[in-house]
Amino acid sequence: MRFPHRLNPEPHTMSDDFSETQASVLIGTTEKMIEIWNRLSPEKRAALLARFGSEENALAALVTTHLVAPAKP
């Protein structure tokens, strides 16, 4: 067999618990996303909502685009 490790995968346990550091990062990221959204013009918000279907999806796309964009000189 080529991939025996796939036959009996270990069960992954998930936790709803966050460390203080993780919670801080999550809150900070959320605050930045809200700031970005609030700075957008109504036209830009409408265009993003039309394209991505929800404010959350639009914000996620904005943040992702920002993170992968090349650095400006």
PDB file of N, CA and C in Angstrom:
ATOM      1  N   MET A   1       0.809  -1.166   0.000  1.00  0.00           N
ATOM      2  CA  MET A   1       0.000   0.000   0.000  1.00  0.00           C
ATOM      3  C   MET A   1       0.873   1.258   0.000  1.00  0.00           C
ATOM      4  N   ARG A   2       0.479   2.245  -0.747  1.00  0.00           N
ATOM      5  CA  ARG A   2       1.325   3.416  -0.898  1.00  0.00           C
ATOM      6  C   ARG A   2       1.234   4.397   0.266  1.00  0.00           C
ATOM      7  N   PHE A   3       0.038   4.542   0.858  1.00  0.00           N
ATOM      8  CA  PHE A   3      -0.148   5.560   1.888  1.00  0.00           C
ATOM      9  C   PHE A   3      -0.784   4.952   3.135  1.00  0.00           C
ATOM     10  N   PRO A   4      -0.084   4.092   3.816  1.00  0.00           N
ATOM     11  CA  PRO A   4      -0.682   3.429   4.976  1.00  0.00           C
ATOM     12  C   PRO A   4      -1.073   4.392   6.090  1.00  0.00           C
ATOM     13  N   HIS A   5      -0.444   5.548   6.163  1.00  0.00           N
ATOM     14  CA  HIS A   5      -0.794   6.508   7.210  1.00  0.00           C
ATOM     15  C   HIS A   5      -2.208   7.062   7.026  1.00  0.00           C
ATOM     16  N   ARG A   6      -2.780   6.902   5.853  1.00  0.00           N
ATOM     17  CA  ARG A   6      -4.136   7.391   5.583  1.00  0.00           C
ATOM     18  C   ARG A   6      -5.212   6.397   6.000  1.00  0.00           C
ATOM     19  N   LEU A   7      -4.838   5.161   6.283  1.00  0.00           N
ATOM     20  CA  LEU A   7      -5.832   4.146   6.613  1.00  0.00           C
ATOM     21  C   LEU A   7      -6.476   4.387   7.973  1.00  0.00           C
ATOM     22  N   ASN A   8      -5.701   4.782   8.937  1.00  0.00           N
ATOM     23  CA  ASN A   8      -6.194   5.009  10.291  1.00  0.00           C
ATOM     24  C   ASN A   8      -5.759   6.382  10.778  1.00  0.00           C
ATOM     25  N   PRO A   9      -6.372   7.424  10.240  1.00  0.00           N
ATOM     26  CA  PRO A   9      -5.933   8.760  10.648  1.00  0.00           C
ATOM     27  C   PRO A   9      -6.237   9.008  12.122  1.00  0.00           C
ATOM     28  N   GLU A  10      -5.357   9.741  12.743  1.00  0.00           N
ATOM     29  CA  GLU A  10      -5.570  10.117  14.134  1.00  0.00           C
ATOM     30  C   GLU A  10      -6.745  11.084  14.206  1.00  0.00           C
ATOM     31  N   PRO A  11      -7.616  10.889  15.158  1.00  0.00           N
ATOM     32  CA  PRO A  11      -8.719  11.862  15.284  1.00  0.00           C
ATOM     33  C   PRO A  11      -8.175  13.210  15.751  1.00  0.00           C
ATOM     34  N   HIS A  12      -8.672  14.241  15.131  1.00  0.00           N
ATOM     35  CA  HIS A  12      -8.246  15.586  15.499  1.00  0.00           C
ATOM     36  C   HIS A  12      -9.209  16.126  16.532  1.00  0.00           C
ATOM     37  N   THR A  13      -8.672  16.612  17.593  1.00  0.00           N
ATOM     38  CA  THR A  13      -9.524  17.215  18.595  1.00  0.00           C
ATOM     39  C   THR A  13      -9.474  18.713  18.418  1.00  0.00           C
ATOM     40  N   MET A  14     -10.629  19.320  18.493  1.00  0.00           N
ATOM     41  CA  MET A  14     -10.722  20.763  18.376  1.00  0.00           C
ATOM     42  C   MET A  14     -11.135  21.324  19.718  1.00  0.00           C
ATOM     43  N   SER A  15     -10.699  22.519  19.944  1.00  0.00           N
ATOM     44  CA  SER A  15     -11.015  23.164  21.203  1.00  0.00           C
ATOM     45  C   SER A  15     -11.565  24.551  20.927  1.00  0.00           C
ATOM     46  N   ASP A  16     -12.498  24.972  21.724  1.00  0.00           N
ATOM     47  CA  ASP A  16     -13.035  26.322  21.619  1.00  0.00           C
ATOM     48  C   ASP A  16     -12.263  27.292  22.503  1.00  0.00           C
ATOM     49  N   ASP A  17     -11.237  26.803  23.169  1.00  0.00           N
ATOM     50  CA  ASP A  17     -10.472  27.638  24.082  1.00  0.00           C
ATOM     51  C   ASP A  17      -9.395  28.404  23.331  1.00  0.00           C
ATOM     52  N   PHE A  18      -9.226  29.659  23.703  1.00  0.00           N
ATOM     53  CA  PHE A  18      -8.176  30.499  23.146  1.00  0.00           C
ATOM     54  C   PHE A  18      -7.232  30.891  24.268  1.00  0.00           C
ATOM     55  N   SER A  19      -5.956  30.969  23.935  1.00  0.00           N
ATOM     56  CA  SER A  19      -5.013  31.528  24.902  1.00  0.00           C
ATOM     57  C   SER A  19      -5.214  33.045  24.901  1.00  0.00           C
ATOM     58  N   GLU A  20      -4.649  33.706  25.864  1.00  0.00           N
ATOM     59  CA  GLU A  20      -4.751  35.168  25.919  1.00  0.00           C
ATOM     60  C   GLU A  20      -4.136  35.795  24.675  1.00  0.00           C
ATOM     61  N   THR A  21      -3.024  35.240  24.216  1.00  0.00           N
ATOM     62  CA  THR A  21      -2.359  35.764  23.023  1.00  0.00           C
ATOM     63  C   THR A  21      -3.231  35.578  21.793  1.00  0.00           C
ATOM     64  N   GLN A  22      -3.800  34.391  21.620  1.00  0.00           N
ATOM     65  CA  GLN A  22      -4.666  34.133  20.479  1.00  0.00           C
ATOM     66  C   GLN A  22      -5.891  35.047  20.507  1.00  0.00           C
ATOM     67  N   ALA A  23      -6.477  35.217  21.674  1.00  0.00           N
ATOM     68  CA  ALA A  23      -7.644  36.080  21.804  1.00  0.00           C
ATOM     69  C   ALA A  23      -7.282  37.517  21.456  1.00  0.00           C
ATOM     70  N   SER A  24      -6.126  37.965  21.900  1.00  0.00           N
ATOM     71  CA  SER A  24      -5.680  39.328  21.619  1.00  0.00           C
ATOM     72  C   SER A  24      -5.479  39.541  20.122  1.00  0.00           C
ATOM     73  N   VAL A  25      -4.856  38.574  19.458  1.00  0.00           N
ATOM     74  CA  VAL A  25      -4.635  38.670  18.012  1.00  0.00           C
ATOM     75  C   VAL A  25      -5.972  38.683  17.277  1.00  0.00           C
ATOM     76  N   LEU A  26      -6.883  37.819  17.674  1.00  0.00           N
ATOM     77  CA  LEU A  26      -8.200  37.752  17.038  1.00  0.00           C
ATOM     78  C   LEU A  26      -8.963  39.068  17.205  1.00  0.00           C
ATOM     79  N   ILE A  27      -8.941  39.613  18.396  1.00  0.00           N
ATOM     80  CA  ILE A  27      -9.630  40.886  18.646  1.00  0.00           C
ATOM     81  C   ILE A  27      -8.985  42.008  17.849  1.00  0.00           C
ATOM     82  N   GLY A  28      -7.658  42.051  17.825  1.00  0.00           N
ATOM     83  CA  GLY A  28      -6.956  43.081  17.059  1.00  0.00           C
ATOM     84  C   GLY A  28      -7.258  43.007  15.573  1.00  0.00           C
ATOM     85  N   THR A  29      -7.278  41.804  15.042  1.00  0.00           N
ATOM     86  CA  THR A  29      -7.593  41.617  13.627  1.00  0.00           C
ATOM     87  C   THR A  29      -9.017  42.053  13.328  1.00  0.00           C
ATOM     88  N   THR A  30      -9.932  41.698  14.201  1.00  0.00           N
ATOM     89  CA  THR A  30     -11.335  42.090  14.025  1.00  0.00           C
ATOM     90  C   THR A  30     -11.477  43.602  14.051  1.00  0.00           C
ATOM     91  N   GLU A  31     -10.799  44.259  14.973  1.00  0.00           N
ATOM     92  CA  GLU A  31     -10.858  45.724  15.045  1.00  0.00           C
ATOM     93  C   GLU A  31     -10.325  46.363  13.769  1.00  0.00           C
ATOM     94  N   LYS A  32      -9.230  45.817  13.235  1.00  0.00           N
ATOM     95  CA  LYS A  32      -8.669  46.343  11.986  1.00  0.00           C
ATOM     96  C   LYS A  32      -9.644  46.156  10.830  1.00  0.00           C
ATOM     97  N   MET A  33     -10.304  45.001  10.790  1.00  0.00           N
ATOM     98  CA  MET A  33     -11.272  44.739   9.722  1.00  0.00           C
ATOM     99  C   MET A  33     -12.421  45.737   9.790  1.00  0.00           C
ATOM    100  N   ILE A  34     -12.880  46.027  10.981  1.00  0.00           N
ATOM    101  CA  ILE A  34     -13.975  46.994  11.148  1.00  0.00           C
ATOM    102  C   ILE A  34     -13.525  48.391  10.720  1.00  0.00           C
ATOM    103  N   GLU A  35     -12.309  48.764  11.095  1.00  0.00           N
ATOM    104  CA  GLU A  35     -11.772  50.072  10.689  1.00  0.00           C
ATOM    105  C   GLU A  35     -11.693  50.177   9.166  1.00  0.00           C
ATOM    106  N   ILE A  36     -11.209  49.120   8.524  1.00  0.00           N
ATOM    107  CA  ILE A  36     -11.114  49.108   7.060  1.00  0.00           C
ATOM    108  C   ILE A  36     -12.493  49.296   6.452  1.00  0.00           C
ATOM    109  N   TRP A  37     -13.473  48.543   6.934  1.00  0.00           N
ATOM    110  CA  TRP A  37     -14.834  48.615   6.400  1.00  0.00           C
ATOM    111  C   TRP A  37     -15.407  50.018   6.569  1.00  0.00           C
ATOM    112  N   ASN A  38     -15.183  50.615   7.735  1.00  0.00           N
ATOM    113  CA  ASN A  38     -15.742  51.938   8.012  1.00  0.00           C
ATOM    114  C   ASN A  38     -15.112  53.036   7.165  1.00  0.00           C
ATOM    115  N   ARG A  39     -13.900  52.825   6.689  1.00  0.00           N
ATOM    116  CA  ARG A  39     -13.230  53.819   5.839  1.00  0.00           C
ATOM    117  C   ARG A  39     -13.665  53.740   4.379  1.00  0.00           C
ATOM    118  N   LEU A  40     -14.299  52.650   3.989  1.00  0.00           N
ATOM    119  CA  LEU A  40     -14.711  52.490   2.595  1.00  0.00           C
ATOM    120  C   LEU A  40     -15.889  53.394   2.266  1.00  0.00           C
ATOM    121  N   SER A  41     -15.930  53.821   1.021  1.00  0.00           N
ATOM    122  CA  SER A  41     -17.073  54.605   0.561  1.00  0.00           C
ATOM    123  C   SER A  41     -18.290  53.688   0.444  1.00  0.00           C
ATOM    124  N   PRO A  42     -19.490  54.273   0.496  1.00  0.00           N
ATOM    125  CA  PRO A  42     -20.700  53.455   0.327  1.00  0.00           C
ATOM    126  C   PRO A  42     -20.707  52.684  -0.996  1.00  0.00           C
ATOM    127  N   GLU A  43     -20.153  53.290  -2.046  1.00  0.00           N
ATOM    128  CA  GLU A  43     -20.106  52.623  -3.344  1.00  0.00           C
ATOM    129  C   GLU A  43     -19.201  51.393  -3.296  1.00  0.00           C
ATOM    130  N   LYS A  44     -18.051  51.534  -2.645  1.00  0.00           N
ATOM    131  CA  LYS A  44     -17.110  50.419  -2.540  1.00  0.00           C
ATOM    132  C   LYS A  44     -17.720  49.298  -1.694  1.00  0.00           C
ATOM    133  N   ARG A  45     -18.398  49.666  -0.594  1.00  0.00           N
ATOM    134  CA  ARG A  45     -19.061  48.662   0.236  1.00  0.00           C
ATOM    135  C   ARG A  45     -20.103  47.893  -0.570  1.00  0.00           C
ATOM    136  N   ALA A  46     -20.909  48.637  -1.331  1.00  0.00           N
ATOM    137  CA  ALA A  46     -21.950  47.999  -2.141  1.00  0.00           C
ATOM    138  C   ALA A  46     -21.341  47.051  -3.169  1.00  0.00           C
ATOM    139  N   ALA A  47     -20.243  47.476  -3.797  1.00  0.00           N
ATOM    140  CA  ALA A  47     -19.592  46.633  -4.796  1.00  0.00           C
ATOM    141  C   ALA A  47     -19.045  45.363  -4.149  1.00  0.00           C
ATOM    142  N   LEU A  48     -18.427  45.496  -2.981  1.00  0.00           N
ATOM    143  CA  LEU A  48     -17.887  44.327  -2.287  1.00  0.00           C
ATOM    144  C   LEU A  48     -18.992  43.380  -1.824  1.00  0.00           C
ATOM    145  N   LEU A  49     -20.081  43.945  -1.320  1.00  0.00           N
ATOM    146  CA  LEU A  49     -21.208  43.105  -0.898  1.00  0.00           C
ATOM    147  C   LEU A  49     -21.804  42.352  -2.080  1.00  0.00           C
ATOM    148  N   ALA A  50     -21.913  43.046  -3.219  1.00  0.00           N
ATOM    149  CA  ALA A  50     -22.454  42.393  -4.411  1.00  0.00           C
ATOM    150  C   ALA A  50     -21.545  41.260  -4.872  1.00  0.00           C
ATOM    151  N   ARG A  51     -20.258  41.465  -4.763  1.00  0.00           N
ATOM    152  CA  ARG A  51     -19.311  40.454  -5.236  1.00  0.00           C
ATOM    153  C   ARG A  51     -19.162  39.284  -4.271  1.00  0.00           C
ATOM    154  N   PHE A  52     -19.097  39.579  -2.961  1.00  0.00           N
ATOM    155  CA  PHE A  52     -18.772  38.540  -1.986  1.00  0.00           C
ATOM    156  C   PHE A  52     -19.955  38.070  -1.149  1.00  0.00           C
ATOM    157  N   GLY A  53     -21.100  38.744  -1.241  1.00  0.00           N
ATOM    158  CA  GLY A  53     -22.318  38.244  -0.616  1.00  0.00           C
ATOM    159  C   GLY A  53     -22.546  38.615   0.834  1.00  0.00           C
ATOM    160  N   SER A  54     -21.485  38.907   1.571  1.00  0.00           N
ATOM    161  CA  SER A  54     -21.666  39.302   2.967  1.00  0.00           C
ATOM    162  C   SER A  54     -20.516  40.209   3.383  1.00  0.00           C
ATOM    163  N   GLU A  55     -20.747  40.963   4.437  1.00  0.00           N
ATOM    164  CA  GLU A  55     -19.709  41.849   4.947  1.00  0.00           C
ATOM    165  C   GLU A  55     -18.490  41.037   5.412  1.00  0.00           C
ATOM    166  N   GLU A  56     -18.747  39.907   6.049  1.00  0.00           N
ATOM    167  CA  GLU A  56     -17.652  39.072   6.535  1.00  0.00           C
ATOM    168  C   GLU A  56     -16.783  38.574   5.390  1.00  0.00           C
ATOM    169  N   ASN A  57     -17.421  38.092   4.320  1.00  0.00           N
ATOM    170  CA  ASN A  57     -16.660  37.603   3.162  1.00  0.00           C
ATOM    171  C   ASN A  57     -15.894  38.734   2.482  1.00  0.00           C
ATOM    172  N   ALA A  58     -16.534  39.905   2.386  1.00  0.00           N
ATOM    173  CA  ALA A  58     -15.874  41.052   1.768  1.00  0.00           C
ATOM    174  C   ALA A  58     -14.658  41.472   2.581  1.00  0.00           C
ATOM    175  N   LEU A  59     -14.806  41.517   3.897  1.00  0.00           N
ATOM    176  CA  LEU A  59     -13.687  41.897   4.753  1.00  0.00           C
ATOM    177  C   LEU A  59     -12.564  40.867   4.686  1.00  0.00           C
ATOM    178  N   ALA A  60     -12.926  39.609   4.664  1.00  0.00           N
ATOM    179  CA  ALA A  60     -11.913  38.555   4.551  1.00  0.00           C
ATOM    180  C   ALA A  60     -11.136  38.711   3.248  1.00  0.00           C
ATOM    181  N   ALA A  61     -11.831  39.030   2.177  1.00  0.00           N
ATOM    182  CA  ALA A  61     -11.156  39.230   0.889  1.00  0.00           C
ATOM    183  C   ALA A  61     -10.227  40.441   0.945  1.00  0.00           C
ATOM    184  N   LEU A  62     -10.686  41.514   1.580  1.00  0.00           N
ATOM    185  CA  LEU A  62      -9.843  42.706   1.698  1.00  0.00           C
ATOM    186  C   LEU A  62      -8.577  42.419   2.499  1.00  0.00           C
ATOM    187  N   VAL A  63      -8.749  41.739   3.615  1.00  0.00           N
ATOM    188  CA  VAL A  63      -7.603  41.434   4.467  1.00  0.00           C
ATOM    189  C   VAL A  63      -6.643  40.500   3.748  1.00  0.00           C
ATOM    190  N   THR A  64      -7.168  39.491   3.080  1.00  0.00           N
ATOM    191  CA  THR A  64      -6.319  38.552   2.349  1.00  0.00           C
ATOM    192  C   THR A  64      -5.551  39.273   1.250  1.00  0.00           C
ATOM    193  N   THR A  65      -6.237  40.121   0.518  1.00  0.00           N
ATOM    194  CA  THR A  65      -5.589  40.883  -0.552  1.00  0.00           C
ATOM    195  C   THR A  65      -4.480  41.754   0.023  1.00  0.00           C
ATOM    196  N   HIS A  66      -4.758  42.376   1.142  1.00  0.00           N
ATOM    197  CA  HIS A  66      -3.759  43.230   1.791  1.00  0.00           C
ATOM    198  C   HIS A  66      -2.539  42.410   2.236  1.00  0.00           C
ATOM    199  N   LEU A  67      -2.783  41.219   2.765  1.00  0.00           N
ATOM    200  CA  LEU A  67      -1.690  40.405   3.263  1.00  0.00           C
ATOM    201  C   LEU A  67      -0.801  39.854   2.152  1.00  0.00           C
ATOM    202  N   VAL A  68      -1.379  39.546   0.995  1.00  0.00           N
ATOM    203  CA  VAL A  68      -0.595  38.961  -0.096  1.00  0.00           C
ATOM    204  C   VAL A  68      -0.089  39.983  -1.109  1.00  0.00           C
ATOM    205  N   ALA A  69      -0.509  41.229  -0.960  1.00  0.00           N
ATOM    206  CA  ALA A  69      -0.076  42.264  -1.902  1.00  0.00           C
ATOM    207  C   ALA A  69       1.413  42.546  -1.705  1.00  0.00           C
ATOM    208  N   PRO A  70       2.108  42.854  -2.786  1.00  0.00           N
ATOM    209  CA  PRO A  70       3.518  43.195  -2.640  1.00  0.00           C
ATOM    210  C   PRO A  70       3.666  44.473  -1.816  1.00  0.00           C
ATOM    211  N   ALA A  71       4.744  44.542  -1.092  1.00  0.00           N
ATOM    212  CA  ALA A  71       5.008  45.739  -0.274  1.00  0.00           C
ATOM    213  C   ALA A  71       5.202  46.946  -1.171  1.00  0.00           C
ATOM    214  N   LYS A  72       4.671  48.078  -0.725  1.00  0.00           N
ATOM    215  CA  LYS A  72       4.853  49.314  -1.492  1.00  0.00           C
ATOM    216  C   LYS A  72       6.181  49.940  -1.120  1.00  0.00           C
ATOM    217  N   PRO A  73       6.888  50.441  -2.136  1.00  0.00           N
ATOM    218  CA  PRO A  73       8.215  51.035  -1.853  1.00  0.00           C
ATOM    219  C   PRO A  73       8.131  52.315  -1.053  1.00  0.00           C
TER     220      PRO A  73
END
